[in-house]
Amino acid sequence: MNEYSPIVSEFDTPEQEASYLEWLKRKVAESLADPRPPVPHDQVMVEMREVIAKAKQKKPC
């Protein structure tokens, strides 16, 4: 059996790759089945910048 090459694959073994692909497919299916409305990227970025700004204010420099 040929060894996986890090240049060709991010995984050390075919089993690791299969496990990851199964996990990814499950996560995509869950996301597609989620009934909540999507959140625009720009809105998420605004909210995260606010979270970061508040965290910086609390952290002593």
Protein backbone atom coordinates (compact mmCIF):
# COMPACT_ATOMS: atom_id res chain seq x y z
CA MET A 1 0.00 0.00 0.00
CA ASN A 2 1.30 3.45 -0.89
CA GLU A 3 1.75 5.90 1.96
CA TYR A 4 -0.15 9.16 1.82
CA SER A 5 2.02 12.10 0.89
CA PRO A 6 1.44 15.44 2.68
CA ILE A 7 1.89 17.06 -0.72
CA VAL A 8 -1.00 15.06 -2.16
CA SER A 9 -3.23 14.61 0.92
CA GLU A 10 -3.78 16.37 4.21
CA PHE A 11 -4.41 13.01 5.88
CA ASP A 12 -1.99 10.35 7.04
CA THR A 13 -4.29 7.45 6.20
CA PRO A 14 -7.30 6.72 3.99
CA GLU A 15 -9.28 6.05 7.18
CA GLN A 16 -8.60 9.58 8.46
CA GLU A 17 -9.71 11.02 5.14
CA ALA A 18 -12.90 8.92 5.11
CA SER A 19 -13.69 9.93 8.69
CA TYR A 20 -13.22 13.61 7.88
CA LEU A 21 -15.36 13.40 4.74
CA GLU A 22 -18.14 11.70 6.72
CA TRP A 23 -17.98 14.43 9.37
CA LEU A 24 -17.99 17.18 6.71
CA LYS A 25 -20.98 15.71 4.86
CA ARG A 26 -22.89 15.46 8.15
CA LYS A 27 -22.11 19.10 9.04
CA VAL A 28 -23.19 20.32 5.58
CA ALA A 29 -26.43 18.32 5.79
CA GLU A 30 -27.15 19.76 9.25
CA SER A 31 -26.52 23.27 7.99
CA LEU A 32 -28.77 22.84 4.96
CA ALA A 33 -31.54 21.46 7.20
CA ASP A 34 -31.30 24.36 9.67
CA PRO A 35 -34.60 26.28 9.52
CA ARG A 36 -33.12 29.54 10.80
CA PRO A 37 -32.60 32.33 8.25
CA PRO A 38 -29.04 32.84 7.04
CA VAL A 39 -26.98 35.65 8.57
CA PRO A 40 -25.14 37.91 6.10
CA HIS A 41 -21.35 37.92 6.42
CA ASP A 42 -21.23 41.69 6.91
CA GLN A 43 -23.61 41.45 9.87
CA VAL A 44 -21.51 38.73 11.50
CA MET A 45 -18.36 40.81 11.02
CA VAL A 46 -19.96 43.88 12.67
CA GLU A 47 -21.05 41.77 15.64
CA MET A 48 -17.63 40.13 16.01
CA ARG A 49 -15.82 43.47 15.86
CA GLU A 50 -18.03 44.65 18.73
CA VAL A 51 -17.19 41.52 20.74
CA ILE A 52 -13.47 42.03 20.10
CA ALA A 53 -13.63 45.73 21.03
CA LYS A 54 -15.39 44.93 24.32
CA ALA A 55 -12.84 42.21 25.12
CA LYS A 56 -9.96 44.62 24.48
CA GLN A 57 -11.52 47.17 26.84
CA LYS A 58 -11.72 44.59 29.63
CA LYS A 59 -8.17 43.30 29.13
CA PRO A 60 -5.48 45.33 30.96
CA CYS A 61 -2.67 46.38 28.64
